[in-house]
């Protein structure tokens, strides 16, 4: 069905281009493409008719429902006994998931949604939530299949309500999702988190978005992050790394097309997919700054600095595009609306992140240690930062957001930009005074050259600033000078804890 919908969109777009073109050769090629699309649509329709006859007959649906419910109940019982559950054939799990989703998508429906949720979905939700990261399921593909089932179900309002009423989901899902955000499962986990948090950020698009979300799970996610700081810290570190990687991949793909001035179909699809993933990750990060602002504004400033660097990194790549028209063209596939695919998709969460932190800093009065203005001003790229925020302020948001609520938010960004200019000028004066008083760089961190080398690795005794060491140890437990295994870190300044 998805392929059929895509072909119909392509056919509509081709028909529109045929009407708009005046050159004979272009019209001829478009008509040939239109004929190919029509043939493929007819093939899809034949396949759909065959599937309906073979799979959606009433007696087969009743059999699939009985098999699905029987297997769910069996697996729930067996999962309580380790010695038996680990030997359950994979066929049972695959059959259960296939049967459930065939019934869910059946046309005509096997049962009304309310009845299906009440009599069939509860036990299925209990199983997938409990076991999508169960180490006893040795097949990573099967665990992915369970996670994908959750990702699909939470996209629908009726099924999301079933998750909110399920005891296993409310008790385990938030913590399990944060734990499952790894190199293998970060895409479906991101989709789930985005659906749960949808509608809570700055500037959601006018088309294709629903304002409905799960306030219940948002509250539970916040409680899970606050109660387990180690889990949230690990999740946030992986989120930073993944978002940085996604934006880098997108920028490289864009640059390759801009250098050749050709937009290949494969490259366009790749850019569009990576851009969507980048926007989704940025939305999840925006939710974190709104609900867990204390992780950025209180304590050490590592998270805030990493967040600041990431925002500047993304803005720099967006405003440095050599050909803005080609940039926008690479994002939009045939049949997609300009209101849904544009730069505002990635700019909106960046603006939301800054606004969330500004609001939280005013409410909490966090002091200068984690002052967001001071952290931005301390970066060694003042021109890039100011240009980036000016780009945010001057962007045409009317085609990307609902109503006029964004105007007040943009006024906050203008005020923030003004404070940033003043802070940058002040820090530049202080830097010149410091350089005039000190002719040597002895005692400065040789990694960032911005802070005092006030911490050392144990046992190798190499020194650096505590901020650089803390960030390095998030992803590697070896000294970045000699590669020795780090047993501990000793701070040498008066503020050491």
Protein backbone atom coordinates (compact mmCIF):
# COMPACT_ATOMS: atom_id res chain seq x y z
CA UNK A 1 0.00 0.00 0.00
CA UNK A 2 2.84 2.41 0.77
CA UNK A 3 4.39 1.77 -2.64
CA UNK A 4 1.01 2.29 -4.28
CA UNK A 5 0.55 5.62 -2.48
CA UNK A 6 4.03 6.72 -3.51
CA UNK A 7 3.35 5.85 -7.17
CA UNK A 8 0.06 7.75 -7.12
CA UNK A 9 1.90 10.82 -5.78
CA UNK A 10 4.53 10.48 -8.50
CA UNK A 11 1.81 10.12 -11.15
CA UNK A 12 0.02 13.25 -9.91
CA UNK A 13 3.29 15.19 -9.91
CA UNK A 14 4.08 14.01 -13.44
CA UNK A 15 0.62 15.02 -14.68
CA UNK A 16 1.14 18.47 -13.18
CA UNK A 17 4.53 18.81 -14.90
CA UNK A 18 3.04 17.71 -18.23
CA UNK A 19 0.46 20.49 -17.99
CA UNK A 20 3.11 23.10 -17.10
CA UNK A 21 5.76 22.15 -19.73
CA UNK A 22 5.82 23.68 -23.20
CA UNK A 23 8.89 22.00 -24.75
CA UNK A 24 8.11 18.93 -26.84
CA UNK A 25 11.03 16.76 -25.72
CA UNK A 26 10.31 17.27 -22.02
CA UNK A 27 6.63 16.50 -22.48
CA UNK A 28 7.50 13.31 -24.34
CA UNK A 29 9.77 12.07 -21.55
CA UNK A 30 7.18 12.96 -18.91
CA UNK A 31 4.47 11.06 -20.78
CA UNK A 32 6.73 8.01 -20.97
CA UNK A 33 7.34 8.22 -17.21
CA UNK A 34 3.59 8.59 -16.66
CA UNK A 35 2.96 5.36 -18.58
CA UNK A 36 5.50 3.51 -16.43
CA UNK A 37 3.89 4.79 -13.23
CA UNK A 38 0.45 3.69 -14.41
CA UNK A 39 1.67 0.18 -15.14
CA UNK A 40 3.28 -0.10 -11.74
CA UNK A 41 0.10 1.17 -10.03
CA UNK A 42 -1.94 -1.46 -11.85
CA UNK A 43 0.48 -4.16 -10.68
CA UNK A 44 0.15 -2.92 -7.08
CA UNK A 45 -3.63 -3.02 -7.33
CA UNK A 46 -3.51 -6.61 -8.61
CA UNK A 47 -1.24 -7.62 -5.72
CA UNK A 48 -3.53 -5.94 -3.19
CA UNK A 49 -6.55 -7.76 -4.60
CA UNK A 50 -4.69 -11.07 -4.38
CA UNK A 51 -3.68 -10.42 -0.77
CA UNK A 52 -7.25 -9.54 0.15
CA UNK A 53 -8.58 -12.78 -1.31
CA UNK A 54 -5.85 -15.00 0.15
CA UNK A 55 -5.33 -13.46 3.60
CA UNK A 56 -8.40 -11.47 4.51
CA UNK A 57 -11.11 -14.06 4.06
CA UNK A 58 -13.21 -14.26 7.21
CA UNK A 59 -12.34 -17.81 8.23
CA UNK A 60 -8.61 -17.13 7.86
CA UNK A 61 -8.88 -14.01 9.99
CA UNK A 62 -10.56 -15.99 12.78
CA UNK A 63 -7.78 -18.57 12.61
CA UNK A 64 -5.05 -15.92 12.73
CA UNK A 65 -6.71 -14.23 15.70
CA UNK A 66 -6.94 -17.53 17.61
CA UNK A 67 -3.31 -18.37 16.83
CA UNK A 68 -2.10 -14.91 17.84
CA UNK A 69 -3.92 -14.83 21.17
CA UNK A 70 -2.96 -18.41 22.02
CA UNK A 71 0.73 -17.76 21.31
CA UNK A 72 0.70 -14.51 23.31
CA UNK A 73 -0.73 -16.21 26.37
CA UNK A 74 1.65 -19.15 25.99
CA UNK A 75 4.72 -16.91 25.72
CA UNK A 76 3.66 -14.80 28.69
CA UNK A 77 3.47 -17.94 30.83
CA UNK A 78 6.72 -19.43 29.51
CA UNK A 79 8.61 -16.15 29.96
CA UNK A 80 8.34 -16.60 33.72
CA UNK A 81 10.49 -19.75 33.51
CA UNK A 82 13.97 -19.03 32.15
CA UNK A 83 14.90 -22.65 31.49
CA UNK A 84 11.90 -23.04 29.15
CA UNK A 85 11.63 -19.58 27.58
CA UNK A 86 15.13 -19.60 26.11
CA UNK A 87 14.28 -22.74 24.11
CA UNK A 88 10.99 -21.49 22.64
CA UNK A 89 11.28 -21.68 18.81
CA UNK A 90 11.56 -18.32 17.04
CA UNK A 91 8.68 -19.38 14.81
CA UNK A 92 6.20 -18.75 17.63
CA UNK A 93 7.28 -15.16 18.07
CA UNK A 94 7.36 -14.40 14.35
CA UNK A 95 3.92 -15.94 13.83
CA UNK A 96 2.42 -13.97 16.71
CA UNK A 97 3.68 -10.62 15.39
CA UNK A 98 2.73 -11.34 11.77
CA UNK A 99 -0.78 -12.45 12.71
CA UNK A 100 -1.35 -9.43 14.91
CA UNK A 101 -0.33 -6.87 12.32
CA UNK A 102 -2.23 -8.59 9.52
CA UNK A 103 -5.38 -8.39 11.65
CA UNK A 104 -4.63 -4.79 12.60
CA UNK A 105 -4.37 -3.75 8.94
CA UNK A 106 -7.14 -5.98 7.60
CA UNK A 107 -9.59 -4.46 5.11
CA UNK A 108 -12.43 -4.75 5.93
CA UNK A 109 -11.49 -4.65 9.62
CA UNK A 110 -11.55 -7.98 11.44
CA UNK A 111 -13.14 -6.28 14.45
CA UNK A 112 -13.95 -2.70 15.48
CA UNK A 113 -10.87 -0.95 16.91
CA UNK A 114 -12.38 -0.61 20.38
CA UNK A 115 -13.15 -4.34 20.59
CA UNK A 116 -9.78 -5.34 19.14
CA UNK A 117 -7.96 -3.18 21.69
CA UNK A 118 -10.03 -4.52 24.57
CA UNK A 119 -9.89 -8.23 23.70
CA UNK A 120 -6.69 -8.61 21.72
CA UNK A 121 -4.24 -5.81 22.27
CA UNK A 122 -3.70 -5.80 26.04
CA UNK A 123 -1.77 -9.08 26.28
CA UNK A 124 0.16 -8.29 23.08
CA UNK A 125 1.26 -4.90 24.45
CA UNK A 126 2.30 -6.53 27.72
CA UNK A 127 4.54 -8.99 25.88
CA UNK A 128 6.23 -6.58 23.45
CA UNK A 129 6.89 -3.97 26.14
CA UNK A 130 8.31 -6.56 28.52
CA UNK A 131 10.53 -8.40 26.05
CA UNK A 132 11.70 -6.04 23.28
CA UNK A 133 15.05 -5.75 25.09
CA UNK A 134 14.95 -9.14 26.82
CA UNK A 135 18.49 -10.66 26.70
CA UNK A 136 16.95 -14.14 26.74
CA UNK A 137 15.79 -13.54 23.16
CA UNK A 138 19.10 -14.24 21.45
CA UNK A 139 18.04 -13.09 17.98
CA UNK A 140 18.63 -9.36 17.61
CA UNK A 141 16.28 -9.37 14.59
CA UNK A 142 13.42 -10.63 16.77
CA UNK A 143 14.02 -7.96 19.39
CA UNK A 144 14.04 -5.39 16.59
CA UNK A 145 10.73 -6.81 15.38
CA UNK A 146 9.17 -6.30 18.80
CA UNK A 147 10.52 -2.76 19.02
CA UNK A 148 9.22 -1.99 15.53
CA UNK A 149 5.78 -3.18 16.64
CA UNK A 150 5.79 -0.63 19.45
CA UNK A 151 6.96 2.07 17.04
CA UNK A 152 4.08 1.31 14.67
CA UNK A 153 1.36 1.06 17.32
CA UNK A 154 2.13 4.32 19.14
CA UNK A 155 1.60 6.23 15.88
CA UNK A 156 -2.15 5.67 16.27
CA UNK A 157 -4.13 7.50 18.91
CA UNK A 158 -6.32 4.50 19.81
CA UNK A 159 -3.36 2.17 20.28
CA UNK A 160 -1.39 4.80 22.19
CA UNK A 161 -4.28 4.99 24.66
CA UNK A 162 -3.99 1.22 25.11
CA UNK A 163 -0.31 1.65 26.05
CA UNK A 164 -1.22 4.33 28.59
CA UNK A 165 -3.71 1.94 30.25
CA UNK A 166 -1.33 -1.03 30.26
CA UNK A 167 0.39 -1.65 33.59
CA UNK A 168 3.51 -3.22 32.07
CA UNK A 169 3.90 -0.31 29.64
CA UNK A 170 3.59 2.38 32.30
CA UNK A 171 6.05 0.63 34.60
CA UNK A 172 8.74 -0.48 32.14
CA UNK A 173 8.51 1.36 28.82
CA UNK A 174 10.17 4.73 29.70
CA UNK A 175 13.25 3.19 31.31
CA UNK A 176 13.49 0.43 28.70
CA UNK A 177 13.39 2.96 25.83
CA UNK A 178 16.21 5.03 27.29
CA UNK A 179 18.29 1.87 27.76
CA UNK A 180 17.57 0.64 24.22
CA UNK A 181 18.84 3.82 22.52
CA UNK A 182 22.02 2.28 21.11
CA UNK A 183 23.83 1.86 17.80
CA UNK A 184 21.34 -0.74 16.60
CA UNK A 185 17.95 0.46 17.84
CA UNK A 186 18.23 4.24 17.96
CA UNK A 187 15.98 4.84 14.93
CA UNK A 188 12.84 3.04 16.21
CA UNK A 189 13.46 4.34 19.74
CA UNK A 190 13.70 7.88 18.37
CA UNK A 191 10.42 7.42 16.48
CA UNK A 192 8.70 6.20 19.65
CA UNK A 193 10.04 9.04 21.79
CA UNK A 194 9.10 11.56 19.11
CA UNK A 195 5.53 10.26 19.00
CA UNK A 196 5.19 10.38 22.78
CA UNK A 197 6.53 13.96 22.87
CA UNK A 198 4.89 15.24 19.69
CA UNK A 199 3.27 18.65 19.83
CA UNK A 200 5.32 19.95 22.75
CA UNK A 201 8.03 21.76 20.77
CA UNK A 202 8.49 25.03 18.92
CA UNK A 203 7.08 25.44 15.43
CA UNK A 204 5.54 22.14 14.40
CA UNK A 205 4.62 22.09 10.67
CA UNK A 206 1.13 22.94 9.54
CA UNK A 207 0.67 19.82 7.43
CA UNK A 208 1.15 16.18 8.36
CA UNK A 209 1.55 16.68 12.11
CA UNK A 210 -0.80 15.87 14.94
CA UNK A 211 -0.91 17.89 18.11
CA UNK A 212 -1.93 14.81 20.10
CA UNK A 213 0.75 13.27 22.28
CA UNK A 214 1.02 11.31 25.49
CA UNK A 215 1.18 13.55 28.52
CA UNK A 216 1.19 10.39 30.63
CA UNK A 217 4.39 9.04 29.10
CA UNK A 218 6.02 12.47 29.01
CA UNK A 219 5.62 12.65 32.77
CA UNK A 220 6.95 9.10 33.17
CA UNK A 221 9.95 9.81 30.96
CA UNK A 222 10.78 12.86 33.05
CA UNK A 223 10.50 10.86 36.28
CA UNK A 224 12.66 8.07 34.85
CA UNK A 225 15.40 10.55 33.87
CA UNK A 226 15.34 12.33 37.23
CA UNK A 227 15.30 9.14 39.31
CA UNK A 228 18.11 7.48 37.33
CA UNK A 229 20.73 10.12 36.55
CA UNK A 230 23.26 7.57 35.32
CA UNK A 231 20.80 6.18 32.76
CA UNK A 232 19.84 9.63 31.52
CA UNK A 233 23.48 10.71 31.29
CA UNK A 234 24.31 7.68 29.13
CA UNK A 235 21.23 8.30 26.95
CA UNK A 236 22.09 11.99 26.53
CA UNK A 237 25.66 11.15 25.55
CA UNK A 238 24.45 8.73 22.87
CA UNK A 239 21.90 11.29 21.68
CA UNK A 240 24.61 13.94 21.26
CA UNK A 241 26.87 11.52 19.38
CA UNK A 242 24.10 10.26 17.09
CA UNK A 243 22.81 13.72 16.23
CA UNK A 244 26.32 14.92 15.45
CA UNK A 245 26.87 11.91 13.18
CA UNK A 246 23.54 12.38 11.39
CA UNK A 247 24.21 16.07 10.68
CA UNK A 248 27.72 15.27 9.43
CA UNK A 249 26.38 12.62 7.04
CA UNK A 250 23.74 15.01 5.76
CA UNK A 251 26.26 17.81 5.22
CA UNK A 252 28.63 15.51 3.30
CA UNK A 253 25.82 14.31 1.02
CA UNK A 254 24.66 17.87 0.35
CA UNK A 255 28.21 18.98 -0.44
CA UNK A 256 28.72 16.13 -2.89
CA UNK A 257 25.64 17.15 -4.89
CA UNK A 258 26.50 20.85 -4.75
CA UNK A 259 29.98 20.17 -6.12
CA UNK A 260 28.58 18.27 -9.12
CA UNK A 261 25.41 20.38 -9.50
CA UNK A 262 23.46 17.15 -10.02
CA UNK A 263 20.66 15.78 -7.89
CA UNK A 264 20.69 12.00 -8.32
CA UNK A 265 17.63 10.05 -7.23
CA UNK A 266 19.58 7.83 -4.82
CA UNK A 267 21.43 10.77 -3.28
CA UNK A 268 18.18 12.71 -2.94
CA UNK A 269 16.51 9.84 -1.08
CA UNK A 270 19.54 9.47 1.16
CA UNK A 271 19.60 13.20 1.98
CA UNK A 272 15.88 13.23 2.69
CA UNK A 273 16.06 10.22 5.02
CA UNK A 274 19.08 11.51 6.95
CA UNK A 275 17.50 14.96 7.21
CA UNK A 276 14.33 13.44 8.70
CA UNK A 277 16.40 11.48 11.20
CA UNK A 278 18.35 14.60 12.14
CA UNK A 279 15.14 16.56 12.72
CA UNK A 280 13.68 13.75 14.84
CA UNK A 281 16.80 13.57 17.01
CA UNK A 282 16.77 17.34 17.44
CA UNK A 283 13.12 17.18 18.56
CA UNK A 284 13.98 14.56 21.19
CA UNK A 285 16.83 16.77 22.41
CA UNK A 286 14.42 19.71 22.54
CA UNK A 287 12.11 17.67 24.77
CA UNK A 288 15.05 16.88 27.08
CA UNK A 289 15.90 20.56 27.49
CA UNK A 290 12.29 21.32 28.34
CA UNK A 291 11.66 18.51 30.81
CA UNK A 292 15.18 17.94 32.21
CA UNK A 293 16.65 21.43 32.05
CA UNK A 294 18.49 20.90 35.34
CA UNK A 295 20.84 18.47 33.55
CA UNK A 296 22.09 21.39 31.46
CA UNK A 297 21.82 24.31 33.87
CA UNK A 298 22.91 22.75 37.16
CA UNK A 299 26.09 20.90 38.11
CA UNK A 300 28.99 20.67 35.65
CA UNK A 301 28.62 22.52 32.36
CA UNK A 302 29.65 19.57 30.14
CA UNK A 303 26.14 18.92 28.84
CA UNK A 304 25.48 22.59 28.19
CA UNK A 305 28.76 23.03 26.34
CA UNK A 306 28.16 19.95 24.20
CA UNK A 307 24.66 21.21 23.44
CA UNK A 308 25.99 24.65 22.52
CA UNK A 309 28.64 23.21 20.21
CA UNK A 310 26.05 21.00 18.51
CA UNK A 311 23.69 23.93 17.88
CA UNK A 312 26.51 26.00 16.39
CA UNK A 313 27.67 23.02 14.32
CA UNK A 314 24.21 22.54 12.77
CA UNK A 315 23.61 26.25 12.17
CA UNK A 316 26.99 26.62 10.52
CA UNK A 317 26.22 23.84 8.04
CA UNK A 318 22.80 25.27 7.26
CA UNK A 319 23.86 28.87 6.64
CA UNK A 320 27.03 27.95 4.70
CA UNK A 321 25.19 26.12 1.91
CA UNK A 322 26.63 27.38 -1.37
CA UNK A 323 23.35 27.02 -3.29
CA UNK A 324 20.19 27.42 -1.15
CA UNK A 325 17.90 26.35 -4.01
CA UNK A 326 19.82 23.11 -4.52
CA UNK A 327 19.81 22.59 -0.74
CA UNK A 328 16.01 22.76 -0.62
CA UNK A 329 15.66 20.61 -3.74
CA UNK A 330 17.68 17.80 -2.19
CA UNK A 331 15.24 17.62 0.74
CA UNK A 332 12.04 17.39 -1.25
CA UNK A 333 11.05 14.29 -3.19
CA UNK A 334 8.33 14.41 -5.87
CA UNK A 335 4.87 14.66 -4.37
CA UNK A 336 5.97 16.23 -1.06
CA UNK A 337 4.59 19.57 0.13
CA UNK A 338 6.96 22.50 0.61
CA UNK A 339 5.19 23.23 3.92
CA UNK A 340 6.26 19.83 5.24
CA UNK A 341 9.84 19.61 3.95
CA UNK A 342 11.94 22.73 4.50
CA UNK A 343 14.76 24.11 6.62
CA UNK A 344 12.31 25.08 9.32
CA UNK A 345 12.09 21.40 10.29
CA UNK A 346 15.61 21.52 11.74
CA UNK A 347 15.67 25.21 12.70
CA UNK A 348 12.53 24.95 14.85
CA UNK A 349 13.94 22.46 17.41
CA UNK A 350 17.18 24.48 17.62
CA UNK A 351 15.19 27.60 18.45
CA UNK A 352 13.10 25.56 20.90
CA UNK A 353 16.20 24.27 22.69
CA UNK A 354 17.54 27.78 23.29
CA UNK A 355 14.14 29.09 24.37
CA UNK A 356 13.64 26.19 26.79
CA UNK A 357 16.97 26.86 28.47
CA UNK A 358 16.33 30.61 28.65
CA UNK A 359 12.95 30.02 30.30
CA UNK A 360 14.41 27.49 32.73
CA UNK A 361 17.38 29.72 33.64
CA UNK A 362 15.04 32.59 34.54
CA UNK A 363 12.89 30.32 36.69
CA UNK A 364 15.79 28.61 38.47
CA UNK A 365 18.23 31.51 38.77
CA UNK A 366 21.12 29.15 38.10
CA UNK A 367 23.83 31.76 38.41
CA UNK A 368 26.80 32.38 36.14
CA UNK A 369 28.38 28.92 36.25
CA UNK A 370 25.92 27.48 33.76
CA UNK A 371 24.81 30.70 32.12
CA UNK A 372 23.74 29.88 28.58
CA UNK A 373 24.71 33.33 27.29
CA UNK A 374 28.21 33.05 28.76
CA UNK A 375 28.71 29.55 27.34
CA UNK A 376 27.74 30.64 23.82
CA UNK A 377 29.92 33.75 24.09
CA UNK A 378 32.93 31.72 25.27
CA UNK A 379 33.07 29.75 22.03
CA UNK A 380 35.82 30.72 19.61
CA UNK A 381 33.48 31.50 16.68
CA UNK A 382 31.53 34.60 17.63
CA UNK A 383 30.73 35.59 14.03
CA UNK A 384 29.34 32.16 13.20
CA UNK A 385 27.13 32.15 16.31
CA UNK A 386 25.74 35.63 15.68
CA UNK A 387 25.08 34.87 12.01
CA UNK A 388 23.36 31.66 13.01
CA UNK A 389 20.99 33.34 15.45
CA UNK A 390 20.29 36.12 12.98
CA UNK A 391 19.38 33.43 10.46
CA UNK A 392 16.98 31.89 13.00
CA UNK A 393 15.34 35.25 13.66
CA UNK A 394 15.00 36.26 9.99
CA UNK A 395 13.80 32.87 8.73
CA UNK A 396 10.31 32.92 7.18
CA UNK A 397 8.39 30.93 9.79
CA UNK A 398 4.96 31.67 8.34
CA UNK A 399 5.11 28.61 6.11
CA UNK A 400 6.33 26.31 8.88
CA UNK A 401 4.40 27.04 12.08
CA UNK A 402 0.84 27.50 13.21
CA UNK A 403 -0.60 30.88 14.14
CA UNK A 404 1.36 33.87 15.44
CA UNK A 405 2.60 32.39 18.72
CA UNK A 406 6.12 32.20 17.34
CA UNK A 407 6.41 35.99 17.13
CA UNK A 408 6.82 36.37 20.89
CA UNK A 409 9.38 33.57 20.90
CA UNK A 410 11.38 35.26 18.16
CA UNK A 411 11.44 38.43 20.26
CA UNK A 412 13.09 36.36 23.01
CA UNK A 413 15.70 35.16 20.52
CA UNK A 414 16.40 38.76 19.45
CA UNK A 415 16.92 39.73 23.09
CA UNK A 416 19.20 36.71 23.56
CA UNK A 417 21.22 37.70 20.48
CA UNK A 418 21.69 41.21 21.88
CA UNK A 419 22.90 39.83 25.22
CA UNK A 420 25.22 37.52 23.35
CA UNK A 421 26.84 40.41 21.50
CA UNK A 422 27.43 42.31 24.76
CA UNK A 423 28.82 39.22 26.50
CA UNK A 424 31.14 38.42 23.60
CA UNK A 425 32.54 41.94 23.60
CA UNK A 426 33.10 41.80 27.36
CA UNK A 427 34.89 38.46 27.15
CA UNK A 428 37.08 39.74 24.33
CA UNK A 429 38.20 42.67 26.51
CA UNK A 430 38.91 40.34 29.44
CA UNK A 431 40.87 38.02 27.15
CA UNK A 432 43.09 40.86 25.95
CA UNK A 433 43.74 41.96 29.52
CA UNK A 434 44.64 38.40 30.52
CA UNK A 435 46.98 38.01 27.54
CA UNK A 436 48.67 41.28 28.45
CA UNK A 437 49.31 40.12 32.00
CA UNK A 438 50.55 36.65 31.04
CA UNK A 439 53.20 36.06 28.35
CA UNK A 440 53.23 32.28 28.68
CA UNK A 441 50.62 29.58 28.24
CA UNK A 442 52.04 27.39 31.03
CA UNK A 443 49.32 25.63 32.93
CA UNK A 444 46.73 25.85 30.14
CA UNK A 445 44.91 22.78 28.84
CA UNK A 446 46.65 21.58 25.66
CA UNK A 447 43.37 20.13 24.32
CA UNK A 448 41.09 23.18 24.31
CA UNK A 449 43.58 26.00 25.14
CA UNK A 450 40.75 27.75 26.94
CA UNK A 451 40.90 26.49 30.54
CA UNK A 452 43.49 25.73 33.18
CA UNK A 453 44.88 22.18 33.24
CA UNK A 454 43.41 21.41 36.65
CA UNK A 455 42.95 17.62 36.53
CA UNK A 456 45.12 14.59 35.90
CA UNK A 457 44.59 10.99 34.90
CA UNK A 458 45.37 8.21 37.34
CA UNK A 459 47.74 6.36 37.13
CA UNK A 460 49.56 7.93 34.13
CA UNK A 461 49.46 11.50 35.61
CA UNK A 462 48.85 13.28 32.30
CA UNK A 463 47.04 16.58 32.86
CA UNK A 464 44.26 18.46 31.13
CA UNK A 465 41.28 20.56 32.13
CA UNK A 466 38.48 18.78 33.95
CA UNK A 467 35.94 19.62 31.23
CA UNK A 468 37.96 17.97 28.45
CA UNK A 469 38.68 14.92 30.59
CA UNK A 470 35.03 14.51 31.62
CA UNK A 471 33.83 14.66 28.03
CA UNK A 472 36.50 12.24 26.83
CA UNK A 473 35.63 9.66 29.49
CA UNK A 474 32.01 9.57 28.35
CA UNK A 475 33.04 7.52 25.33
CA UNK A 476 36.51 6.17 26.13
CA UNK A 477 38.20 5.03 29.33
CA UNK A 478 41.78 5.53 28.12
CA UNK A 479 44.12 8.51 28.40
CA UNK A 480 44.10 10.55 25.19
CA UNK A 481 47.87 11.11 25.51
CA UNK A 482 49.32 7.65 26.19
CA UNK A 483 46.27 5.34 25.76
CA UNK A 484 46.67 3.97 29.29
CA UNK A 485 43.56 2.67 31.04
CA UNK A 486 42.17 5.37 33.34
CA UNK A 487 41.54 4.26 36.90
CA UNK A 488 40.45 7.68 38.15
CA UNK A 489 40.70 11.45 37.80
CA UNK A 490 42.14 13.82 40.41
CA UNK A 491 41.25 17.51 40.38
CA UNK A 492 43.92 19.93 41.50
CA UNK A 493 41.89 23.12 41.85
CA UNK A 494 40.18 24.52 44.93
CA UNK A 495 36.72 23.60 43.62
CA UNK A 496 37.49 19.88 43.40
CA UNK A 497 34.79 17.70 44.84
